[in-house]
Each structure stands twice: as C-alpha cells, then as structure tokens.
Amino acid sequence: MKHCEGCEGCKIDKKLEDIKDKYKDVKGGIIGALHEVQDTYGYISTTAQKYLSKELNVPMSEIYGIITFYSRFSLTPKGKYNIQVCMGTACYVKGSEKVLNRFKEKLGIDEGQTTEDGKFSLEAVRCIGACGLAPAIVINKEVYGKMDVKKVDELIEEYTKK
C-alpha cells in the first residue's frame, strides 16, 4: 500500500500490512488482528486502529470497545518489563494491595504508567488464576507467588540489572 509523505498512513509498516492481509477475509477476524498487533508492538496505537478499521471494514467504535473491554489489550506502550499485580479476591485478602503500593513507591509510577526510562510498567489486574500462590504477580509472562514487599524490592533490583 502506497501512502503520501507525512500522512497518518505513512506510519503503517510491513508487519501491520501483513496482519491486515491475514485477517482481511476472516469473519470476526478483528480480535485476532488486535491480538497480533498487541503481540507485535506491545500496544495498539491509534494509527493501527484506524488502519484496521478502514482495511477490515470495522467501525472505530467497535475496535475501541474491544480494546477497552479486554484487559489483555493496551492503548499505551508498556515498559520492557510489564508488571501485573493480581487484585483478585484471594490475592487481595492476602495482601496484594501492599505489594501494588510497594511497586508504586519503588518505581515512582502509578497504575497504568510506565517509568521514564521505559523499563517498567505497572498494572493492577483481576484474577490471574494463581490463587494458590496469593498474592501473585506476573512480570511479562513469568508468575511470582507469595509476594511481599521484600520480594518486590528484590525483583525490582533483579530486573533493573537485566
């Protein structure tokens, strides 16, 4: 697809075009396309939303509704290490709020934010399905259980060195 110099469409790269091509003729393919965009870029930009809306003939309102309904999708870039603190019932009862607050304090960010250096982002999420490990967190795809403030400090130190 050829775009003019400087238009919004010029930010479309080969990867996004390939994702669009893969789902162009798939009924209900927008969710699959959004998953691939999320996996490829770490979030779903406004540019990607507009492009998929036009190319897959799906209204922007529907795309935005899907992205904001499913917690898996993000509208903003995540840090290199995306920290998800489970706030489900079992985790909450066992102290996940203290764990979340310690991450906020140590990283200097709030939920939904990314550190200035782009290294860490922080989210409070509902049940991650690790109730037996409560309170639990996920950093990228790695699950850590039986969390406390001391373990928060150790993990931040460990991931800062990576």
Protein backbone atom coordinates (compact mmCIF):
# COMPACT_ATOMS: atom_id res chain seq x y z
CA MET A 1 0.00 0.00 0.00
CA LYS A 2 1.47 3.34 -1.04
CA HIS A 3 0.99 6.39 1.16
CA CYS A 4 1.72 10.05 0.73
CA GLU A 5 4.58 11.68 2.59
CA GLY A 6 3.57 12.81 6.06
CA CYS A 7 0.07 11.34 6.24
CA GLU A 8 -1.06 9.14 9.13
CA GLY A 9 -0.98 6.12 6.81
CA CYS A 10 2.76 6.56 6.23
CA LYS A 11 3.29 5.14 9.72
CA ILE A 12 1.95 1.79 8.52
CA ASP A 13 4.72 -0.78 8.27
CA LYS A 14 5.02 -4.18 6.61
CA LYS A 15 4.15 -6.05 9.81
CA LEU A 16 0.83 -4.24 10.17
CA GLU A 17 0.05 -4.76 6.49
CA ASP A 18 0.78 -8.50 6.92
CA ILE A 19 -1.55 -8.68 9.93
CA LYS A 20 -4.28 -6.94 7.94
CA ASP A 21 -3.79 -9.31 4.99
CA LYS A 22 -4.01 -12.34 7.28
CA TYR A 23 -7.41 -11.27 8.69
CA LYS A 24 -8.88 -9.42 5.68
CA ASP A 25 -11.30 -12.21 4.75
CA VAL A 26 -11.78 -13.81 8.16
CA LYS A 27 -15.24 -13.32 9.64
CA GLY A 28 -14.79 -11.71 13.06
CA GLY A 29 -11.05 -11.50 12.41
CA ILE A 30 -10.67 -8.17 14.17
CA ILE A 31 -9.95 -9.79 17.56
CA GLY A 32 -7.24 -12.00 16.06
CA ALA A 33 -5.78 -8.97 14.29
CA LEU A 34 -5.79 -6.95 17.51
CA HIS A 35 -4.05 -9.80 19.37
CA GLU A 36 -1.30 -9.86 16.74
CA VAL A 37 -0.91 -6.09 16.82
CA GLN A 38 -0.66 -6.21 20.64
CA ASP A 39 1.92 -9.01 20.48
CA THR A 40 3.95 -7.26 17.77
CA TYR A 41 4.02 -3.71 19.10
CA GLY A 42 3.21 -4.12 22.80
CA TYR A 43 0.09 -1.96 22.46
CA ILE A 44 -2.50 -0.92 19.88
CA SER A 45 -1.81 2.58 18.58
CA THR A 46 -4.45 4.93 17.19
CA THR A 47 -2.73 4.56 13.82
CA ALA A 48 -3.14 0.77 13.91
CA GLN A 49 -6.78 1.12 15.00
CA LYS A 50 -7.60 3.49 12.14
CA TYR A 51 -5.79 1.33 9.62
CA LEU A 52 -7.52 -1.89 10.71
CA SER A 53 -10.86 -0.09 10.84
CA LYS A 54 -10.52 1.04 7.25
CA GLU A 55 -8.93 -2.10 5.83
CA LEU A 56 -11.08 -4.66 7.68
CA ASN A 57 -14.23 -2.54 7.43
CA VAL A 58 -14.83 -2.49 11.19
CA PRO A 59 -16.08 0.74 12.83
CA MET A 60 -13.58 2.52 15.09
CA SER A 61 -16.16 2.41 17.89
CA GLU A 62 -16.21 -1.39 17.73
CA ILE A 63 -12.41 -1.61 17.73
CA TYR A 64 -12.15 0.78 20.68
CA GLY A 65 -14.87 -1.17 22.51
CA ILE A 66 -12.96 -4.42 22.07
CA ILE A 67 -9.65 -2.91 23.19
CA THR A 68 -11.13 -1.31 26.30
CA PHE A 69 -13.25 -4.35 27.23
CA TYR A 70 -10.43 -6.91 27.27
CA SER A 71 -7.66 -6.19 29.77
CA ARG A 72 -5.16 -8.02 27.53
CA PHE A 73 -5.17 -5.08 25.14
CA SER A 74 -3.46 -1.77 25.80
CA LEU A 75 -3.76 1.67 24.21
CA THR A 76 -0.39 2.80 25.52
CA PRO A 77 3.12 1.36 25.19
CA LYS A 78 4.23 -0.91 28.02
CA GLY A 79 7.63 -0.98 29.62
CA LYS A 80 10.20 -3.60 28.78
CA TYR A 81 9.01 -5.34 31.95
CA ASN A 82 5.24 -5.17 32.36
CA ILE A 83 4.32 -5.86 35.98
CA GLN A 84 0.79 -7.06 36.63
CA VAL A 85 -0.30 -7.24 40.26
CA CYS A 86 -3.27 -9.54 40.82
CA MET A 87 -6.06 -7.84 42.75
CA GLY A 88 -8.42 -10.83 42.63
CA THR A 89 -10.12 -11.85 45.87
CA ALA A 90 -7.55 -14.40 47.08
CA CYS A 91 -4.61 -12.11 46.30
CA TYR A 92 -6.29 -9.05 47.74
CA VAL A 93 -7.13 -10.82 51.00
CA LYS A 94 -3.52 -11.97 51.30
CA GLY A 95 -2.01 -8.52 50.79
CA SER A 96 -1.75 -7.67 47.09
CA GLU A 97 -2.65 -4.05 47.81
CA LYS A 98 0.55 -3.71 49.89
CA VAL A 99 2.51 -5.32 47.05
CA LEU A 100 0.99 -2.92 44.50
CA ASN A 101 1.70 0.08 46.72
CA ARG A 102 5.32 -1.01 47.15
CA PHE A 103 5.78 -1.25 43.36
CA LYS A 104 4.27 2.25 43.02
CA GLU A 105 6.60 3.61 45.70
CA LYS A 106 9.78 1.94 44.41
CA LEU A 107 9.16 2.67 40.71
CA GLY A 108 7.70 6.15 41.22
CA ILE A 109 4.73 5.40 38.95
CA ASP A 110 1.04 4.70 39.35
CA GLU A 111 -1.12 2.01 37.81
CA GLY A 112 -1.24 2.28 34.04
CA GLN A 113 2.03 4.19 33.87
CA THR A 114 5.50 3.42 32.56
CA THR A 115 8.78 4.58 34.10
CA GLU A 116 10.54 7.40 32.25
CA ASP A 117 13.29 5.05 31.09
CA GLY A 118 10.68 2.73 29.56
CA LYS A 119 11.89 -0.19 31.64
CA PHE A 120 8.84 -0.88 33.84
CA SER A 121 5.09 -0.50 33.52
CA LEU A 122 2.59 -1.31 36.25
CA GLU A 123 -0.94 -2.66 36.14
CA ALA A 124 -3.48 -3.83 38.68
CA VAL A 125 -5.34 -6.76 37.13
CA ARG A 126 -8.14 -9.06 38.15
CA CYS A 127 -7.60 -12.74 38.84
CA ILE A 128 -4.61 -14.26 37.04
CA GLY A 129 -5.59 -17.79 38.02
CA ALA A 130 -2.80 -18.33 40.53
CA CYS A 131 -4.89 -18.19 43.70
CA GLY A 132 -2.81 -20.87 45.42
CA LEU A 133 0.20 -18.55 45.12
CA ALA A 134 -1.59 -15.50 46.51
CA PRO A 135 -0.61 -12.76 46.45
CA ALA A 136 0.73 -13.20 42.94
CA ILE A 137 2.16 -11.01 40.19
CA VAL A 138 3.20 -11.50 36.60
CA ILE A 139 6.20 -9.85 35.00
CA ASN A 140 5.84 -10.30 31.28
CA LYS A 141 4.85 -13.98 31.27
CA GLU A 142 6.65 -15.05 34.46
CA VAL A 143 4.43 -15.67 37.52
CA TYR A 144 5.74 -14.88 41.00
CA GLY A 145 3.80 -16.04 44.05
CA LYS A 146 3.69 -15.50 47.80
CA MET A 147 4.69 -11.88 47.20
CA ASP A 148 5.51 -9.39 49.93
CA VAL A 149 7.23 -6.00 50.00
CA LYS A 150 10.68 -7.56 50.49
CA LYS A 151 10.22 -9.68 47.35
CA VAL A 152 9.09 -6.58 45.46
CA ASP A 153 12.39 -4.88 46.31
CA GLU A 154 14.36 -7.97 45.26
CA LEU A 155 12.52 -8.29 41.93
CA ILE A 156 12.97 -4.63 41.06
CA GLU A 157 16.68 -4.93 41.81
CA GLU A 158 16.94 -8.12 39.73
CA TYR A 159 15.08 -6.70 36.72
CA THR A 160 16.93 -3.37 36.91
CA LYS A 161 20.19 -5.27 36.33
CA LYS A 162 18.85 -7.01 33.20
